[in-house]
Every structure is written in C-alpha cells, then in structure tokens.
Amino acid sequence: MPYIGPAKYINTKSRPSWSPDSRRVAVSLGNQSYVMDTERNRLQQLGSPGKWTSSPTFDTDSNSVVYSSFGVATVLHTFSMS
C-alpha cells in the first residue's frame, strides 16, 4: 500500500490504534491525528485545522475514535466513523 499523508512525517514513530475490525488505523503524526481506511485508501484528519490533536483510540464498536485536542484547554472528542 503506498504512503498517504504528510510527507514530512514519513519516519515519525507513533502508536497506531487499529480498529477492532482491522479496517482502519488511527495515528498521530506530528501535531495532528488521522484515521486511515485501509480498504478505501482514504486518510481523514481528526479535529479542527490549526488545533493539536493526539492519542486517537478506537472504541470497541470500530465506529468511533476518541482523541484529545489542545487549544486553550485539553478536550476529549469522539469522532463517528459511520
């Protein structure tokens, strides 16, 4: 599978979170978090542009990702994949 994402983060070491159904992987690259759909080769950024996001983790249903964002305060968000 070819690399899809920001070129400057190709060698970034991170802790990916695979969805329980193994169809998607969530990862933090630099100061942003993404979900990669491995079946469709589609990359989706989590959070608002310009805000740091980190620690994306899949819920047990494979349809949501919980992640934190940093701005004025640290906030936990849920992103629905359905």
Foldseek 3Di string as FASTA:
>chain_A
DDDDDDPVQPPPDWDWAAAPVRQWIWTAGDQWIWIAGNVVRDIDTDDDPPWGKDDWYADNVSFWTWIWIDDPHIDIDIDGND
